[in-house]
C-alpha cells in the first residue's frame, strides 16, 4: 500500500510539472507591416507604437491570405499582417500563424 501511494504521488508530481512547463509560453498578437522577412525570420513594425518585433519562422508557421493557406514566400516587406506567436517574451517569439490582411484606412 505504501509503495502504491509513493508511486501515485510521484506520478501526480510529474503531471503537475508538465502542466506548469506547458504554460510557460504566452501567446502574443503582433499587428503591423512586414519590415523584414526571410525563410527563418520575420520582423514586423507594430502599428501601435512603431516598435520592430522579430520572430522565428518555422516549418509549422502557417501563412494565410483571404482565409486560405498560402506559401510563406508571399510575405513581402510592406504588407500589413496580423501575426499570432508564442514565447516567453516579445524578444523570444515563434510565429504560429501570419495573416496577410488589408491595411487599415487612414
N, C-alpha and C. Protein backbone atom coordinates (compact mmCIF):
# COMPACT_ATOMS: atom_id res chain seq x y z
N UNK A 1 0.82 -1.19 0.00
CA UNK A 1 0.00 0.00 0.00
C UNK A 1 0.87 1.26 0.00
N UNK A 2 1.90 1.29 0.82
CA UNK A 2 2.80 2.44 0.88
C UNK A 2 3.49 2.65 -0.45
N UNK A 3 3.90 1.55 -1.07
CA UNK A 3 4.58 1.64 -2.36
C UNK A 3 3.65 2.25 -3.41
N UNK A 4 2.39 1.86 -3.41
CA UNK A 4 1.42 2.41 -4.35
C UNK A 4 1.20 3.90 -4.10
N UNK A 5 1.13 4.28 -2.86
CA UNK A 5 0.94 5.68 -2.51
C UNK A 5 2.12 6.53 -2.98
N UNK A 6 3.32 6.02 -2.78
CA UNK A 6 4.52 6.74 -3.22
C UNK A 6 4.52 6.86 -4.73
N UNK A 7 4.18 5.78 -5.44
CA UNK A 7 4.12 5.80 -6.89
C UNK A 7 3.07 6.79 -7.38
N UNK A 8 1.91 6.79 -6.74
CA UNK A 8 0.84 7.71 -7.10
C UNK A 8 1.28 9.16 -6.89
N UNK A 9 1.94 9.44 -5.79
CA UNK A 9 2.42 10.80 -5.50
C UNK A 9 3.46 11.23 -6.53
N UNK A 10 4.35 10.31 -6.92
CA UNK A 10 5.37 10.63 -7.91
C UNK A 10 4.73 10.95 -9.26
N UNK A 11 3.73 10.17 -9.65
CA UNK A 11 3.04 10.42 -10.92
C UNK A 11 2.30 11.75 -10.88
N UNK A 12 1.68 12.06 -9.77
CA UNK A 12 0.98 13.32 -9.62
C UNK A 12 1.95 14.49 -9.72
N UNK A 13 3.08 14.38 -9.07
CA UNK A 13 4.09 15.44 -9.13
C UNK A 13 4.60 15.64 -10.55
N UNK A 14 4.78 14.55 -11.29
CA UNK A 14 5.23 14.64 -12.68
C UNK A 14 4.18 15.34 -13.53
N UNK A 15 2.92 15.04 -13.33
CA UNK A 15 1.84 15.68 -14.09
C UNK A 15 1.77 17.17 -13.79
N UNK A 16 1.91 17.55 -12.57
CA UNK A 16 1.90 18.96 -12.20
C UNK A 16 3.08 19.67 -12.84
N UNK A 17 4.24 19.04 -12.87
CA UNK A 17 5.42 19.63 -13.50
C UNK A 17 5.22 19.84 -14.98
N UNK A 18 4.62 18.89 -15.67
CA UNK A 18 4.35 19.03 -17.11
C UNK A 18 3.34 20.13 -17.35
N UNK A 19 2.30 20.20 -16.55
CA UNK A 19 1.29 21.23 -16.72
C UNK A 19 1.88 22.62 -16.51
N UNK A 20 2.78 22.76 -15.58
CA UNK A 20 3.41 24.04 -15.30
C UNK A 20 4.30 24.48 -16.45
N UNK A 21 5.11 23.57 -17.00
CA UNK A 21 6.01 23.95 -18.09
C UNK A 21 5.26 24.21 -19.37
N UNK A 22 4.13 23.58 -19.60
CA UNK A 22 3.39 23.83 -20.83
C UNK A 22 2.77 25.23 -20.83
N UNK A 23 2.60 25.84 -19.68
CA UNK A 23 2.06 27.19 -19.59
C UNK A 23 3.15 28.24 -19.54
N UNK A 24 4.41 27.85 -19.69
CA UNK A 24 5.50 28.81 -19.59
C UNK A 24 5.49 29.78 -20.77
N UNK A 25 4.99 29.36 -21.93
CA UNK A 25 4.94 30.23 -23.09
C UNK A 25 3.62 30.97 -23.12
N UNK A 26 3.70 32.23 -23.50
CA UNK A 26 2.50 33.05 -23.62
C UNK A 26 2.21 33.29 -25.09
N UNK A 27 0.95 33.58 -25.40
CA UNK A 27 0.57 33.92 -26.76
C UNK A 27 0.63 35.43 -26.94
N UNK A 28 1.07 35.85 -28.11
CA UNK A 28 1.16 37.26 -28.45
C UNK A 28 0.51 37.48 -29.80
N UNK A 29 -0.10 38.64 -30.00
CA UNK A 29 -0.62 39.04 -31.32
C UNK A 29 0.08 40.33 -31.70
N UNK A 30 0.76 40.28 -32.82
CA UNK A 30 1.51 41.43 -33.33
C UNK A 30 0.82 41.90 -34.60
N UNK A 31 0.48 43.19 -34.66
CA UNK A 31 -0.22 43.76 -35.80
C UNK A 31 0.63 44.90 -36.37
N UNK A 32 0.88 44.83 -37.69
CA UNK A 32 1.66 45.89 -38.31
C UNK A 32 2.12 45.52 -39.70
N UNK A 33 3.18 46.18 -40.16
CA UNK A 33 3.69 45.94 -41.50
C UNK A 33 4.99 45.13 -41.44
N UNK A 34 5.18 44.30 -42.45
CA UNK A 34 6.40 43.49 -42.52
C UNK A 34 7.58 44.41 -42.78
N UNK A 35 8.56 44.38 -41.89
CA UNK A 35 9.76 45.20 -42.02
C UNK A 35 10.90 44.40 -42.66
N UNK A 36 10.92 43.08 -42.40
CA UNK A 36 11.98 42.22 -42.92
C UNK A 36 11.45 40.79 -42.88
N UNK A 37 11.76 40.01 -43.89
CA UNK A 37 11.32 38.62 -43.91
C UNK A 37 12.31 37.78 -44.71
N UNK A 38 12.58 36.60 -44.20
CA UNK A 38 13.31 35.58 -44.94
C UNK A 38 12.76 34.22 -44.52
N UNK A 39 13.39 33.16 -44.94
CA UNK A 39 12.85 31.82 -44.68
C UNK A 39 12.75 31.49 -43.20
N UNK A 40 13.60 32.09 -42.37
CA UNK A 40 13.63 31.73 -40.95
C UNK A 40 13.20 32.84 -40.00
N UNK A 41 13.14 34.07 -40.47
CA UNK A 41 12.86 35.20 -39.58
C UNK A 41 11.82 36.14 -40.18
N UNK A 42 11.04 36.75 -39.29
CA UNK A 42 10.05 37.76 -39.68
C UNK A 42 10.14 38.90 -38.69
N UNK A 43 10.21 40.12 -39.22
CA UNK A 43 10.18 41.31 -38.37
C UNK A 43 8.97 42.15 -38.77
N UNK A 44 8.21 42.58 -37.77
CA UNK A 44 7.00 43.36 -38.00
C UNK A 44 7.12 44.68 -37.26
N UNK A 45 6.84 45.79 -37.97
CA UNK A 45 6.80 47.10 -37.34
C UNK A 45 5.37 47.30 -36.84
N UNK A 46 5.23 47.31 -35.51
CA UNK A 46 3.90 47.40 -34.90
C UNK A 46 3.21 48.72 -35.24
N UNK A 47 1.92 48.61 -35.51
CA UNK A 47 1.12 49.79 -35.80
C UNK A 47 0.98 50.69 -34.57
N UNK A 48 0.82 50.07 -33.40
CA UNK A 48 0.50 50.87 -32.21
C UNK A 48 1.65 51.75 -31.71
N UNK A 49 2.90 51.30 -31.87
CA UNK A 49 4.00 52.10 -31.33
C UNK A 49 5.24 52.17 -32.23
N UNK A 50 5.19 51.54 -33.39
CA UNK A 50 6.31 51.61 -34.32
C UNK A 50 7.49 50.72 -33.96
N UNK A 51 7.35 49.97 -32.87
CA UNK A 51 8.43 49.09 -32.42
C UNK A 51 8.55 47.89 -33.36
N UNK A 52 9.78 47.49 -33.67
CA UNK A 52 10.03 46.32 -34.52
C UNK A 52 10.07 45.07 -33.62
N UNK A 53 9.22 44.11 -33.94
CA UNK A 53 9.16 42.85 -33.20
C UNK A 53 9.61 41.73 -34.13
N UNK A 54 10.62 40.98 -33.72
CA UNK A 54 11.14 39.88 -34.51
C UNK A 54 10.63 38.55 -33.98
N UNK A 55 10.49 37.60 -34.90
CA UNK A 55 10.06 36.25 -34.51
C UNK A 55 10.63 35.24 -35.48
N UNK A 56 10.76 34.01 -34.99
CA UNK A 56 11.24 32.92 -35.82
C UNK A 56 10.12 32.35 -36.65
N UNK A 57 10.44 32.03 -37.91
CA UNK A 57 9.51 31.31 -38.78
C UNK A 57 9.97 29.85 -38.77
N UNK A 58 9.05 28.93 -38.57
CA UNK A 58 9.38 27.51 -38.54
C UNK A 58 8.59 26.79 -39.64
N UNK A 59 8.92 25.54 -39.89
CA UNK A 59 8.11 24.78 -40.86
C UNK A 59 6.64 24.68 -40.45
N UNK A 60 6.35 24.85 -39.18
CA UNK A 60 4.98 24.80 -38.69
C UNK A 60 4.23 26.12 -38.78
N UNK A 61 4.92 27.21 -39.14
CA UNK A 61 4.27 28.51 -39.26
C UNK A 61 3.32 28.49 -40.46
N UNK A 62 2.08 28.90 -40.22
CA UNK A 62 1.06 28.94 -41.27
C UNK A 62 0.89 30.38 -41.72
N UNK A 63 0.91 30.59 -43.05
CA UNK A 63 0.67 31.92 -43.62
C UNK A 63 -0.68 31.86 -44.34
N UNK A 64 -1.54 32.84 -44.03
CA UNK A 64 -2.90 32.87 -44.57
C UNK A 64 -3.13 34.18 -45.32
N UNK A 65 -3.94 34.09 -46.39
CA UNK A 65 -4.39 35.28 -47.11
C UNK A 65 -5.81 34.99 -47.60
N UNK A 66 -6.73 35.87 -47.29
CA UNK A 66 -8.14 35.70 -47.68
C UNK A 66 -8.71 34.37 -47.19
N UNK A 67 -8.30 33.94 -45.99
CA UNK A 67 -8.83 32.72 -45.39
C UNK A 67 -8.25 31.43 -45.95
N UNK A 68 -7.23 31.53 -46.80
CA UNK A 68 -6.62 30.35 -47.39
C UNK A 68 -5.13 30.30 -47.07
N UNK A 69 -4.63 29.09 -46.88
CA UNK A 69 -3.21 28.91 -46.62
C UNK A 69 -2.42 29.19 -47.89
N UNK A 70 -1.37 29.99 -47.76
CA UNK A 70 -0.51 30.33 -48.90
C UNK A 70 0.95 30.07 -48.52
N UNK A 71 1.82 30.11 -49.50
CA UNK A 71 3.24 29.91 -49.27
C UNK A 71 3.83 31.08 -48.49
N UNK A 72 4.78 30.79 -47.63
CA UNK A 72 5.44 31.84 -46.85
C UNK A 72 6.14 32.84 -47.76
N UNK A 73 6.47 32.44 -48.98
CA UNK A 73 7.12 33.34 -49.93
C UNK A 73 6.23 34.53 -50.31
N UNK A 74 4.94 34.45 -50.02
CA UNK A 74 4.04 35.58 -50.31
C UNK A 74 4.20 36.73 -49.32
N UNK A 75 4.89 36.48 -48.21
CA UNK A 75 5.18 37.56 -47.26
C UNK A 75 6.23 38.47 -47.87
N UNK A 76 5.91 39.74 -48.00
CA UNK A 76 6.82 40.73 -48.58
C UNK A 76 6.88 41.95 -47.67
N UNK A 77 8.01 42.63 -47.72
CA UNK A 77 8.18 43.88 -46.95
C UNK A 77 7.08 44.85 -47.36
N UNK A 78 6.45 45.47 -46.37
CA UNK A 78 5.42 46.46 -46.60
C UNK A 78 4.00 45.93 -46.48
N UNK A 79 3.81 44.62 -46.52
CA UNK A 79 2.47 44.06 -46.38
C UNK A 79 1.99 44.22 -44.94
N UNK A 80 0.69 44.42 -44.78
CA UNK A 80 0.09 44.54 -43.46
C UNK A 80 -0.29 43.15 -42.99
N UNK A 81 0.10 42.80 -41.76
CA UNK A 81 -0.12 41.44 -41.26
C UNK A 81 -0.60 41.46 -39.81
N UNK A 82 -1.23 40.34 -39.45
CA UNK A 82 -1.58 40.05 -38.06
C UNK A 82 -0.91 38.72 -37.75
N UNK A 83 0.04 38.73 -36.82
CA UNK A 83 0.80 37.53 -36.50
C UNK A 83 0.47 37.04 -35.10
N UNK A 84 0.13 35.77 -35.00
CA UNK A 84 -0.04 35.12 -33.71
C UNK A 84 1.22 34.34 -33.43
N UNK A 85 1.80 34.57 -32.27
CA UNK A 85 3.08 33.94 -31.93
C UNK A 85 3.04 33.52 -30.47
N UNK A 86 4.01 32.67 -30.09
CA UNK A 86 4.13 32.33 -28.68
C UNK A 86 5.60 32.41 -28.28
N UNK A 87 5.81 32.61 -26.99
CA UNK A 87 7.16 32.71 -26.47
C UNK A 87 7.13 33.17 -25.03
N UNK A 88 8.32 33.31 -24.47
CA UNK A 88 8.43 33.75 -23.09
C UNK A 88 8.31 35.27 -22.97
N UNK A 89 8.67 35.98 -24.05
CA UNK A 89 8.61 37.44 -24.05
C UNK A 89 8.56 37.92 -25.50
N UNK A 90 8.43 39.23 -25.69
CA UNK A 90 8.44 39.79 -27.04
C UNK A 90 9.79 39.62 -27.73
N UNK A 91 10.83 39.34 -26.98
CA UNK A 91 12.16 39.18 -27.55
C UNK A 91 12.43 37.75 -28.02
N UNK A 92 11.59 36.80 -27.63
CA UNK A 92 11.80 35.39 -27.98
C UNK A 92 10.49 34.79 -28.47
N UNK A 93 10.14 35.09 -29.72
CA UNK A 93 8.86 34.64 -30.26
C UNK A 93 9.03 33.64 -31.40
N UNK A 94 8.06 32.77 -31.53
CA UNK A 94 7.96 31.85 -32.66
C UNK A 94 6.60 32.08 -33.30
N UNK A 95 6.59 32.36 -34.59
CA UNK A 95 5.35 32.63 -35.30
C UNK A 95 4.54 31.35 -35.47
N UNK A 96 3.27 31.40 -35.06
CA UNK A 96 2.36 30.28 -35.25
C UNK A 96 1.57 30.47 -36.54
N UNK A 97 0.97 31.66 -36.69
CA UNK A 97 0.17 31.97 -37.86
C UNK A 97 0.36 33.43 -38.22
N UNK A 98 0.53 33.70 -39.51
CA UNK A 98 0.66 35.06 -40.00
C UNK A 98 -0.43 35.26 -41.06
N UNK A 99 -1.31 36.24 -40.81
CA UNK A 99 -2.39 36.54 -41.75
C UNK A 99 -2.05 37.81 -42.50
N UNK A 100 -2.06 37.73 -43.82
CA UNK A 100 -1.89 38.92 -44.66
C UNK A 100 -3.27 39.55 -44.80
N UNK A 101 -3.40 40.79 -44.36
CA UNK A 101 -4.71 41.46 -44.34
C UNK A 101 -4.60 42.83 -44.99
N UNK A 102 -5.73 43.42 -45.40
CA UNK A 102 -5.69 44.78 -45.94
C UNK A 102 -5.26 45.77 -44.86
N UNK A 103 -4.50 46.77 -45.27
CA UNK A 103 -4.08 47.80 -44.32
C UNK A 103 -5.31 48.61 -43.90
N UNK A 104 -5.33 49.08 -42.66
CA UNK A 104 -6.48 49.86 -42.21
C UNK A 104 -6.55 51.20 -42.95
N UNK A 105 -7.75 51.71 -43.08
CA UNK A 105 -7.93 53.01 -43.72
C UNK A 105 -7.34 54.09 -42.84
N UNK A 106 -6.74 55.07 -43.48
CA UNK A 106 -6.10 56.15 -42.70
C UNK A 106 -7.03 57.30 -42.51
